[in-house]
């Protein structure tokens, strides 16, 4: 018997450089940024458990210029991830029809972002109010 040789589609070495693939790759790399932020928060909890001196050192790290730069980069990654996720959202939904017309994808994206912003503002207001009460 002859050896089976499956078809292997040729792939360009820079396949990821095309805009849709690049966007997808950057969005997925944002998961690494979220893991870094989770590690920063976990270190804070560990320092809190270790005592006042350790937590004070952690707080000093948080107000350092390097920490602020890291947090700005992580915020940019989170905003990029949110934007691209909402751009993909209408493509994953079934086609929406209203009054016999197809609802544009940009409208679905805009409504999703609007709901996210409203929920974020409401959570911020609630957090500020609860913080002011205590």
N, C-alpha and C. Protein backbone atom coordinates (compact mmCIF):
# COMPACT_ATOMS: atom_id res chain seq x y z
N UNK A 1 0.82 -1.18 0.00
CA UNK A 1 0.00 0.00 0.00
C UNK A 1 0.86 1.24 0.00
N UNK A 2 0.30 2.26 -0.61
CA UNK A 2 1.05 3.52 -0.66
C UNK A 2 0.75 4.35 0.59
N UNK A 3 1.68 5.19 0.90
CA UNK A 3 1.55 6.05 2.08
C UNK A 3 0.59 7.20 1.78
N UNK A 4 -0.28 7.50 2.71
CA UNK A 4 -1.26 8.57 2.51
C UNK A 4 -0.57 9.92 2.69
N UNK A 5 -0.80 10.83 1.74
CA UNK A 5 -0.23 12.17 1.82
C UNK A 5 -1.37 13.18 1.74
N UNK A 6 -1.75 13.78 2.86
CA UNK A 6 -2.85 14.74 2.84
C UNK A 6 -2.43 16.03 2.14
N UNK A 7 -3.43 16.72 1.61
CA UNK A 7 -3.16 17.99 0.94
C UNK A 7 -2.83 19.05 1.98
N UNK A 8 -1.74 19.74 1.78
CA UNK A 8 -1.35 20.84 2.64
C UNK A 8 -1.40 22.13 1.83
N UNK A 9 -2.32 22.99 2.23
CA UNK A 9 -2.47 24.27 1.53
C UNK A 9 -1.23 25.14 1.78
N UNK A 10 -0.67 25.72 0.74
CA UNK A 10 0.49 26.59 0.97
C UNK A 10 0.07 27.82 1.77
N UNK A 11 0.91 28.20 2.71
CA UNK A 11 0.59 29.35 3.55
C UNK A 11 1.73 30.35 3.48
N UNK A 12 1.35 31.61 3.28
CA UNK A 12 2.35 32.65 3.20
C UNK A 12 2.98 32.86 4.58
N UNK A 13 4.27 33.19 4.61
CA UNK A 13 4.93 33.34 5.90
C UNK A 13 4.38 34.50 6.73
N UNK A 14 3.83 35.51 6.09
CA UNK A 14 3.31 36.67 6.82
C UNK A 14 1.78 36.72 6.74
N UNK A 15 1.12 35.59 6.97
CA UNK A 15 -0.33 35.55 6.89
C UNK A 15 -0.98 36.47 7.91
N UNK A 16 -0.33 36.62 9.05
CA UNK A 16 -0.89 37.41 10.15
C UNK A 16 -0.82 38.91 9.87
N UNK A 17 -0.10 39.33 8.84
CA UNK A 17 0.07 40.76 8.56
C UNK A 17 -1.13 41.35 7.84
N UNK A 18 -2.03 40.54 7.33
CA UNK A 18 -3.22 41.08 6.66
C UNK A 18 -4.13 41.69 7.73
N UNK A 19 -4.79 42.80 7.41
CA UNK A 19 -5.56 43.54 8.44
C UNK A 19 -6.53 42.72 9.28
N UNK A 20 -7.37 41.84 8.72
CA UNK A 20 -8.28 41.11 9.61
C UNK A 20 -7.55 40.18 10.58
N UNK A 21 -6.49 39.53 10.11
CA UNK A 21 -5.73 38.63 10.97
C UNK A 21 -4.95 39.41 12.02
N UNK A 22 -4.42 40.56 11.62
CA UNK A 22 -3.66 41.39 12.55
C UNK A 22 -4.58 41.87 13.68
N UNK A 23 -5.79 42.31 13.31
CA UNK A 23 -6.75 42.76 14.31
C UNK A 23 -7.09 41.63 15.27
N UNK A 24 -7.34 40.45 14.72
CA UNK A 24 -7.67 39.28 15.54
C UNK A 24 -6.51 38.94 16.48
N UNK A 25 -5.29 38.96 15.96
CA UNK A 25 -4.13 38.60 16.77
C UNK A 25 -3.93 39.60 17.90
N UNK A 26 -4.07 40.88 17.61
CA UNK A 26 -3.91 41.89 18.65
C UNK A 26 -5.00 41.74 19.71
N UNK A 27 -6.23 41.49 19.25
CA UNK A 27 -7.32 41.31 20.21
C UNK A 27 -7.05 40.11 21.12
N UNK A 28 -6.57 39.03 20.57
CA UNK A 28 -6.30 37.86 21.39
C UNK A 28 -5.10 38.08 22.30
N UNK A 29 -4.14 38.89 21.89
CA UNK A 29 -3.00 39.21 22.75
C UNK A 29 -3.42 40.09 23.92
N UNK A 30 -4.56 40.74 23.80
CA UNK A 30 -5.07 41.54 24.93
C UNK A 30 -5.35 40.64 26.13
N UNK A 31 -5.58 39.37 25.89
CA UNK A 31 -5.75 38.44 27.00
C UNK A 31 -4.50 38.38 27.87
N UNK A 32 -3.35 38.53 27.25
CA UNK A 32 -2.10 38.57 28.02
C UNK A 32 -2.09 39.82 28.90
N UNK A 33 -2.56 40.94 28.36
CA UNK A 33 -2.63 42.17 29.16
C UNK A 33 -3.56 41.99 30.35
N UNK A 34 -4.69 41.32 30.14
CA UNK A 34 -5.61 41.08 31.25
C UNK A 34 -4.98 40.17 32.28
N UNK A 35 -4.19 39.20 31.86
CA UNK A 35 -3.49 38.32 32.80
C UNK A 35 -2.46 39.10 33.61
N UNK A 36 -1.77 40.04 32.97
CA UNK A 36 -0.80 40.88 33.68
C UNK A 36 -1.51 41.72 34.74
N UNK A 37 -2.65 42.30 34.37
CA UNK A 37 -3.39 43.11 35.32
C UNK A 37 -3.91 42.25 36.48
N UNK A 38 -4.37 41.05 36.18
CA UNK A 38 -4.81 40.15 37.24
C UNK A 38 -3.65 39.81 38.17
N UNK A 39 -2.46 39.64 37.62
CA UNK A 39 -1.28 39.35 38.45
C UNK A 39 -0.95 40.55 39.35
N UNK A 40 -1.08 41.76 38.82
CA UNK A 40 -0.84 42.96 39.63
C UNK A 40 -1.82 43.01 40.80
N UNK A 41 -3.09 42.73 40.53
CA UNK A 41 -4.09 42.72 41.60
C UNK A 41 -3.82 41.60 42.60
N UNK A 42 -3.41 40.43 42.12
CA UNK A 42 -3.10 39.32 43.01
C UNK A 42 -1.92 39.65 43.91
N UNK A 43 -0.92 40.31 43.36
CA UNK A 43 0.23 40.73 44.17
C UNK A 43 -0.23 41.69 45.26
N UNK A 44 -1.19 42.57 44.92
CA UNK A 44 -1.73 43.49 45.93
C UNK A 44 -2.42 42.74 47.06
N UNK A 45 -3.19 41.72 46.72
CA UNK A 45 -3.87 40.92 47.75
C UNK A 45 -2.84 40.19 48.62
N UNK A 46 -1.80 39.66 48.00
CA UNK A 46 -0.75 38.97 48.76
C UNK A 46 -0.04 39.95 49.69
N UNK A 47 0.26 41.15 49.18
CA UNK A 47 0.91 42.16 50.02
C UNK A 47 0.01 42.58 51.17
N UNK A 48 -1.28 42.67 50.91
CA UNK A 48 -2.23 43.00 51.98
C UNK A 48 -2.22 41.92 53.05
N UNK A 49 -2.11 40.68 52.65
CA UNK A 49 -2.07 39.57 53.59
C UNK A 49 -0.76 39.56 54.39
N UNK A 50 0.33 40.00 53.74
CA UNK A 50 1.65 39.94 54.39
C UNK A 50 1.85 41.01 55.47
N UNK A 51 1.09 42.07 55.43
CA UNK A 51 1.23 43.09 56.47
C UNK A 51 1.27 44.50 55.93
N UNK A 52 1.32 45.43 56.88
CA UNK A 52 1.25 46.85 56.54
C UNK A 52 2.44 47.31 55.69
N UNK A 53 3.64 46.87 56.03
CA UNK A 53 4.82 47.32 55.29
C UNK A 53 4.79 46.84 53.84
N UNK A 54 4.40 45.60 53.65
CA UNK A 54 4.34 45.06 52.29
C UNK A 54 3.28 45.78 51.47
N UNK A 55 2.14 46.06 52.10
CA UNK A 55 1.07 46.75 51.37
C UNK A 55 1.45 48.20 51.08
N UNK A 56 2.17 48.83 51.99
CA UNK A 56 2.64 50.20 51.75
C UNK A 56 3.62 50.21 50.58
N UNK A 57 4.50 49.22 50.51
CA UNK A 57 5.43 49.12 49.38
C UNK A 57 4.66 48.90 48.07
N UNK A 58 3.61 48.10 48.12
CA UNK A 58 2.77 47.88 46.93
C UNK A 58 2.10 49.18 46.50
N UNK A 59 1.59 49.94 47.46
CA UNK A 59 0.97 51.22 47.14
C UNK A 59 1.98 52.19 46.54
N UNK A 60 3.20 52.19 47.06
CA UNK A 60 4.25 53.05 46.49
C UNK A 60 4.56 52.65 45.05
N UNK A 61 4.54 51.34 44.78
CA UNK A 61 4.74 50.88 43.40
C UNK A 61 3.61 51.38 42.51
N UNK A 62 2.38 51.36 43.01
CA UNK A 62 1.24 51.76 42.20
C UNK A 62 1.27 53.24 41.81
N UNK A 63 1.88 54.08 42.62
CA UNK A 63 1.92 55.50 42.28
C UNK A 63 3.20 55.89 41.54
N UNK A 64 4.06 54.92 41.26
CA UNK A 64 5.29 55.22 40.52
C UNK A 64 4.96 55.49 39.05
N UNK A 65 5.82 56.26 38.36
CA UNK A 65 5.57 56.54 36.93
C UNK A 65 5.53 55.28 36.07
N UNK A 66 6.34 54.27 36.40
CA UNK A 66 6.34 53.04 35.62
C UNK A 66 5.00 52.32 35.74
N UNK A 67 4.47 52.31 36.95
CA UNK A 67 3.18 51.66 37.17
C UNK A 67 2.07 52.40 36.43
N UNK A 68 2.13 53.72 36.46
CA UNK A 68 1.12 54.50 35.73
C UNK A 68 1.20 54.22 34.23
N UNK A 69 2.42 54.10 33.71
CA UNK A 69 2.59 53.79 32.29
C UNK A 69 2.04 52.40 31.98
N UNK A 70 2.33 51.43 32.84
CA UNK A 70 1.81 50.07 32.64
C UNK A 70 0.29 50.08 32.64
N UNK A 71 -0.29 50.81 33.59
CA UNK A 71 -1.75 50.86 33.67
C UNK A 71 -2.36 51.57 32.46
N UNK A 72 -1.70 52.58 31.94
CA UNK A 72 -2.20 53.24 30.72
C UNK A 72 -2.16 52.29 29.52
N UNK A 73 -1.09 51.52 29.42
CA UNK A 73 -1.00 50.54 28.34
C UNK A 73 -2.05 49.45 28.49
N UNK A 74 -2.28 49.01 29.72
CA UNK A 74 -3.30 47.99 29.95
C UNK A 74 -4.70 48.55 29.67
N UNK A 75 -4.92 49.82 29.99
CA UNK A 75 -6.20 50.45 29.67
C UNK A 75 -6.40 50.53 28.16
N UNK A 76 -5.34 50.89 27.44
CA UNK A 76 -5.43 50.94 25.97
C UNK A 76 -5.75 49.56 25.40
N UNK A 77 -5.12 48.52 25.95
CA UNK A 77 -5.40 47.16 25.49
C UNK A 77 -6.85 46.78 25.77
N UNK A 78 -7.36 47.15 26.95
CA UNK A 78 -8.74 46.83 27.29
C UNK A 78 -9.72 47.57 26.38
N UNK A 79 -9.43 48.82 26.08
CA UNK A 79 -10.30 49.58 25.18
C UNK A 79 -10.27 49.01 23.77
N UNK A 80 -9.09 48.60 23.30
CA UNK A 80 -8.97 47.98 21.98
C UNK A 80 -9.79 46.68 21.93
N UNK A 81 -9.64 45.87 22.97
CA UNK A 81 -10.36 44.60 23.03
C UNK A 81 -11.87 44.84 23.02
N UNK A 82 -12.32 45.81 23.79
CA UNK A 82 -13.75 46.12 23.85
C UNK A 82 -14.26 46.59 22.50
N UNK A 83 -13.52 47.48 21.86
CA UNK A 83 -13.94 48.01 20.56
C UNK A 83 -14.03 46.90 19.51
N UNK A 84 -13.01 46.08 19.44
CA UNK A 84 -13.02 45.02 18.42
C UNK A 84 -14.04 43.94 18.75
N UNK A 85 -14.28 43.70 20.04
CA UNK A 85 -15.29 42.71 20.40
C UNK A 85 -16.67 43.17 19.96
N UNK A 86 -16.96 44.44 20.17
CA UNK A 86 -18.25 44.95 19.74
C UNK A 86 -18.36 45.03 18.22
N UNK A 87 -17.25 45.16 17.52
CA UNK A 87 -17.28 45.12 16.05
C UNK A 87 -17.60 43.71 15.56
N UNK A 88 -17.16 42.70 16.28
CA UNK A 88 -17.41 41.32 15.87
C UNK A 88 -18.83 40.89 16.24
N UNK A 89 -19.38 41.48 17.29
CA UNK A 89 -20.69 41.08 17.81
C UNK A 89 -21.76 40.95 16.73
N UNK A 90 -21.97 41.95 15.85
CA UNK A 90 -23.04 41.79 14.87
C UNK A 90 -22.78 40.68 13.86
N UNK A 91 -21.52 40.33 13.65
CA UNK A 91 -21.21 39.26 12.69
C UNK A 91 -21.56 37.89 13.26
N UNK A 92 -21.61 37.79 14.58
CA UNK A 92 -21.91 36.50 15.20
C UNK A 92 -23.39 36.33 15.48
N UNK A 93 -24.14 37.42 15.45
CA UNK A 93 -25.58 37.35 15.69
C UNK A 93 -26.32 36.90 14.44
N UNK A 94 -27.50 36.32 14.62
CA UNK A 94 -28.33 36.07 13.43
C UNK A 94 -28.74 37.41 12.81
N UNK A 95 -29.04 37.39 11.54
CA UNK A 95 -29.43 38.62 10.85
C UNK A 95 -30.70 39.18 11.50
N UNK A 96 -30.65 40.46 11.84
CA UNK A 96 -31.80 41.11 12.45
C UNK A 96 -32.57 41.89 11.38
N UNK A 97 -33.88 41.68 11.35
CA UNK A 97 -34.73 42.35 10.37
C UNK A 97 -35.77 43.15 11.14
N UNK A 98 -35.90 44.42 10.79
CA UNK A 98 -36.89 45.28 11.43
C UNK A 98 -37.69 45.98 10.33
N UNK A 99 -39.00 45.81 10.34
CA UNK A 99 -39.90 46.40 9.33
C UNK A 99 -39.49 46.01 7.92
N UNK A 100 -39.05 44.77 7.76
CA UNK A 100 -38.71 44.26 6.44
C UNK A 100 -37.32 44.66 5.95
N UNK A 101 -36.55 45.40 6.76
CA UNK A 101 -35.21 45.82 6.35
C UNK A 101 -34.17 45.21 7.30
N UNK A 102 -33.02 44.92 6.74
CA UNK A 102 -31.91 44.38 7.51
C UNK A 102 -31.31 45.48 8.38
N UNK A 103 -31.13 45.20 9.67
CA UNK A 103 -30.53 46.18 10.58
C UNK A 103 -29.03 46.23 10.30
N UNK A 104 -28.48 47.44 10.05
CA UNK A 104 -27.04 47.53 9.74
C UNK A 104 -26.16 47.10 10.92
N UNK A 105 -25.02 46.51 10.59
CA UNK A 105 -24.10 46.05 11.62
C UNK A 105 -23.57 47.21 12.46
N UNK A 106 -23.37 48.37 11.84
CA UNK A 106 -22.85 49.52 12.58
C UNK A 106 -23.84 49.96 13.66
N UNK A 107 -25.14 49.83 13.41
CA UNK A 107 -26.14 50.19 14.41
C UNK A 107 -26.09 49.23 15.59
N UNK A 108 -25.93 47.95 15.32
CA UNK A 108 -25.83 46.97 16.40
C UNK A 108 -24.59 47.24 17.25
N UNK A 109 -23.47 47.55 16.59
CA UNK A 109 -22.24 47.87 17.30
C UNK A 109 -22.42 49.11 18.17
N UNK A 110 -23.05 50.14 17.60
CA UNK A 110 -23.25 51.39 18.34
C UNK A 110 -24.15 51.18 19.55
N UNK A 111 -25.20 50.41 19.40
CA UNK A 111 -26.10 50.15 20.52
C UNK A 111 -25.38 49.35 21.61
N UNK A 112 -24.59 48.36 21.22
CA UNK A 112 -23.82 47.58 22.19
C UNK A 112 -22.84 48.45 22.97
N UNK A 113 -22.13 49.32 22.26
CA UNK A 113 -21.19 50.22 22.94
C UNK A 113 -21.92 51.19 23.86
N UNK A 114 -23.06 51.70 23.41
CA UNK A 114 -23.84 52.63 24.23
C UNK A 114 -24.30 51.96 25.52
N UNK A 115 -24.78 50.73 25.42
CA UNK A 115 -25.21 50.00 26.62
C UNK A 115 -24.03 49.77 27.56
N UNK A 116 -22.87 49.43 27.01
CA UNK A 116 -21.69 49.20 27.83
C UNK A 116 -21.26 50.48 28.55
N UNK A 117 -21.29 51.61 27.85
CA UNK A 117 -20.91 52.89 28.46
C UNK A 117 -21.90 53.27 29.55
N UNK A 118 -23.19 53.11 29.29
CA UNK A 118 -24.21 53.44 30.30
C UNK A 118 -24.03 52.58 31.54
N UNK A 119 -23.82 51.28 31.36
CA UNK A 119 -23.62 50.39 32.51
C UNK A 119 -22.35 50.77 33.28
N UNK A 120 -21.29 51.13 32.59
CA UNK A 120 -20.04 51.51 33.25
C UNK A 120 -20.23 52.80 34.05
N UNK A 121 -20.92 53.77 33.48
CA UNK A 121 -21.16 55.03 34.20
C UNK A 121 -22.03 54.78 35.42
N UNK A 122 -23.07 53.96 35.28
CA UNK A 122 -23.92 53.65 36.43
C UNK A 122 -23.13 52.95 37.54
N UNK A 123 -22.27 52.00 37.17
CA UNK A 123 -21.44 51.34 38.18
C UNK A 123 -20.50 52.32 38.86
N UNK A 124 -19.94 53.25 38.10
CA UNK A 124 -19.05 54.26 38.67
C UNK A 124 -19.82 55.16 39.64
N UNK A 125 -21.01 55.59 39.26
CA UNK A 125 -21.82 56.43 40.13
C UNK A 125 -22.17 55.68 41.43
N UNK A 126 -22.57 54.43 41.30
CA UNK A 126 -22.90 53.63 42.48
C UNK A 126 -21.68 53.47 43.38
N UNK A 127 -20.51 53.21 42.80
CA UNK A 127 -19.28 53.06 43.59
C UNK A 127 -18.93 54.36 44.30
N UNK A 128 -19.09 55.49 43.62
CA UNK A 128 -18.78 56.78 44.25
C UNK A 128 -19.76 57.06 45.39
N UNK A 129 -21.05 56.79 45.15
CA UNK A 129 -22.05 57.02 46.19
C UNK A 129 -21.83 56.12 47.40
N UNK A 130 -21.52 54.86 47.17
CA UNK A 130 -21.24 53.94 48.27
C UNK A 130 -19.97 54.34 49.01
N UNK A 131 -18.98 54.83 48.28
CA UNK A 131 -17.74 55.29 48.91
C UNK A 131 -17.98 56.53 49.74
N UNK A 132 -18.87 57.42 49.29
CA UNK A 132 -19.16 58.64 50.03
C UNK A 132 -19.95 58.33 51.30
N UNK A 133 -20.74 57.26 51.27
CA UNK A 133 -21.56 56.91 52.44
C UNK A 133 -20.73 56.29 53.55
N UNK A 134 -19.61 55.67 53.20
CA UNK A 134 -18.83 54.98 54.24
C UNK A 134 -17.75 55.86 54.83
